[in-house]
Every structure is written in structure tokens, then in C-alpha cells.
Protein backbone atom coordinates (compact mmCIF):
# COMPACT_ATOMS: atom_id res chain seq x y z
CA MET A 1 100.59 93.80 76.63
CA THR A 2 96.90 94.46 76.41
CA PRO A 3 94.25 94.79 79.13
CA THR A 4 92.72 91.53 77.89
CA GLN A 5 96.03 89.70 78.27
CA LEU A 6 96.44 91.12 81.77
CA LYS A 7 92.90 90.11 82.72
CA VAL A 8 93.49 86.56 81.49
CA PHE A 9 96.82 86.28 83.29
CA SER A 10 95.44 87.82 86.49
CA THR A 11 92.53 85.38 86.48
CA ILE A 12 94.88 82.41 86.01
CA ALA A 13 97.07 83.68 88.85
CA ARG A 14 94.04 84.07 91.14
CA LEU A 15 92.42 80.72 90.29
CA GLY A 16 95.60 78.69 89.72
CA SER A 17 94.19 77.13 86.56
CA SER A 18 93.98 78.04 82.89
CA LYS A 19 90.84 75.94 82.51
CA ALA A 20 89.10 77.68 85.42
CA ALA A 21 90.18 81.07 84.09
CA ALA A 22 88.75 80.30 80.66
CA ALA A 23 85.45 79.23 82.22
CA GLU A 24 85.22 82.33 84.43
CA ILE A 25 86.05 84.75 81.62
CA GLY A 26 83.87 82.90 79.11
CA VAL A 27 86.50 82.11 76.49
CA THR A 28 88.13 78.94 75.20
CA GLU A 29 91.24 77.42 76.75
CA ALA A 30 92.97 77.99 73.41
CA SER A 31 92.25 81.70 73.71
CA VAL A 32 93.69 81.75 77.23
CA SER A 33 96.80 79.91 76.02
CA GLY A 34 97.24 82.38 73.19
CA HIS A 35 97.09 85.39 75.49
CA VAL A 36 99.53 83.85 77.94
CA GLY A 37 101.88 82.80 75.14
CA THR A 38 102.00 86.36 73.84
CA LEU A 39 102.77 87.71 77.32
CA ARG A 40 105.49 85.10 77.82
CA ARG A 41 107.19 86.05 74.56
CA GLU A 42 106.84 89.79 75.18
CA LEU A 43 108.20 89.62 78.72
CA GLY A 44 110.72 86.82 78.21
CA ASP A 45 109.41 84.90 81.23
CA GLU A 46 107.43 81.68 81.57
CA LEU A 47 105.25 83.50 84.19
CA PHE A 48 104.16 80.22 85.79
CA THR A 49 105.07 76.54 85.85
CA ARG A 50 103.05 73.41 86.50
CA ALA A 51 103.34 72.37 90.12
CA GLY A 52 101.46 69.60 91.90
CA GLY A 53 97.81 69.99 91.04
CA GLY A 54 98.04 73.53 89.73
CA LEU A 55 100.30 76.35 88.71
CA ALA A 56 103.15 78.11 90.50
CA LEU A 57 104.06 81.66 89.55
CA THR A 58 107.67 82.43 88.69
CA PRO A 59 109.19 85.52 90.36
CA GLY A 60 108.35 87.46 87.19
CA GLY A 61 104.84 86.04 87.26
CA MET A 62 104.37 87.18 90.85
CA LEU A 63 105.47 90.69 89.91
CA LEU A 64 103.17 90.75 86.90
CA ALA A 65 100.25 89.43 88.96
CA SER A 66 100.55 92.28 91.46
CA ARG A 67 101.05 94.91 88.77
CA ALA A 68 98.18 93.52 86.67
CA VAL A 69 95.77 94.03 89.56
CA GLU A 70 96.94 97.65 89.84
CA MET A 71 96.75 98.32 86.10
CA LEU A 72 93.34 96.72 85.69
CA GLY A 73 92.08 98.65 88.71
CA LEU A 74 93.30 101.91 87.17
CA GLN A 75 91.65 101.04 83.88
CA GLU A 76 88.34 100.33 85.62
CA ARG A 77 88.60 103.53 87.66
CA THR A 78 89.33 105.58 84.55
CA VAL A 79 86.30 104.14 82.73
CA ASP A 80 84.11 104.83 85.78
CA GLU A 81 85.30 108.42 86.05
């Protein structure tokens, strides 16, 4: 998994929408789908499902969302230092 994939996933988890994540990051929805698809295959988890008007994280998705925040924070801190 790459930092870009984690950023995309983390943004989807925070906003509850692939479309909103694509808009915030400034990429296409196809790009977002590609990153998420790669993560799903690599981790063997759907990460989220469609629910009501948005997305619901699977248990694996919830774990990845919390870890992604940590990992991205460490990356940012390392660059800053």
C-alpha cells in the first residue's frame, strides 16, 4: 500500500463518499476507485460497503482508517523534520 492509496482511503472514510474524496483531493473518481480497488485486493477486504446514503466501513476498513491516520501523520512529521 502506498501513501497515496492511504490518503485516498482515509479521505473516503472521513467524508463517507468516493465522489467527495475525489473532489477534495483533486483527482477523478476513476482514480479514487483504482486506488481503493488495489487496497481491497492487497488486504483481502472490501473496506467499506454502500449503506443508506453513503458508505459504511467494514471492521477491516475501520482498522485501516485508524492506522492510515497514524501512518500519514508519521509521514508528514518525517517530511517536516
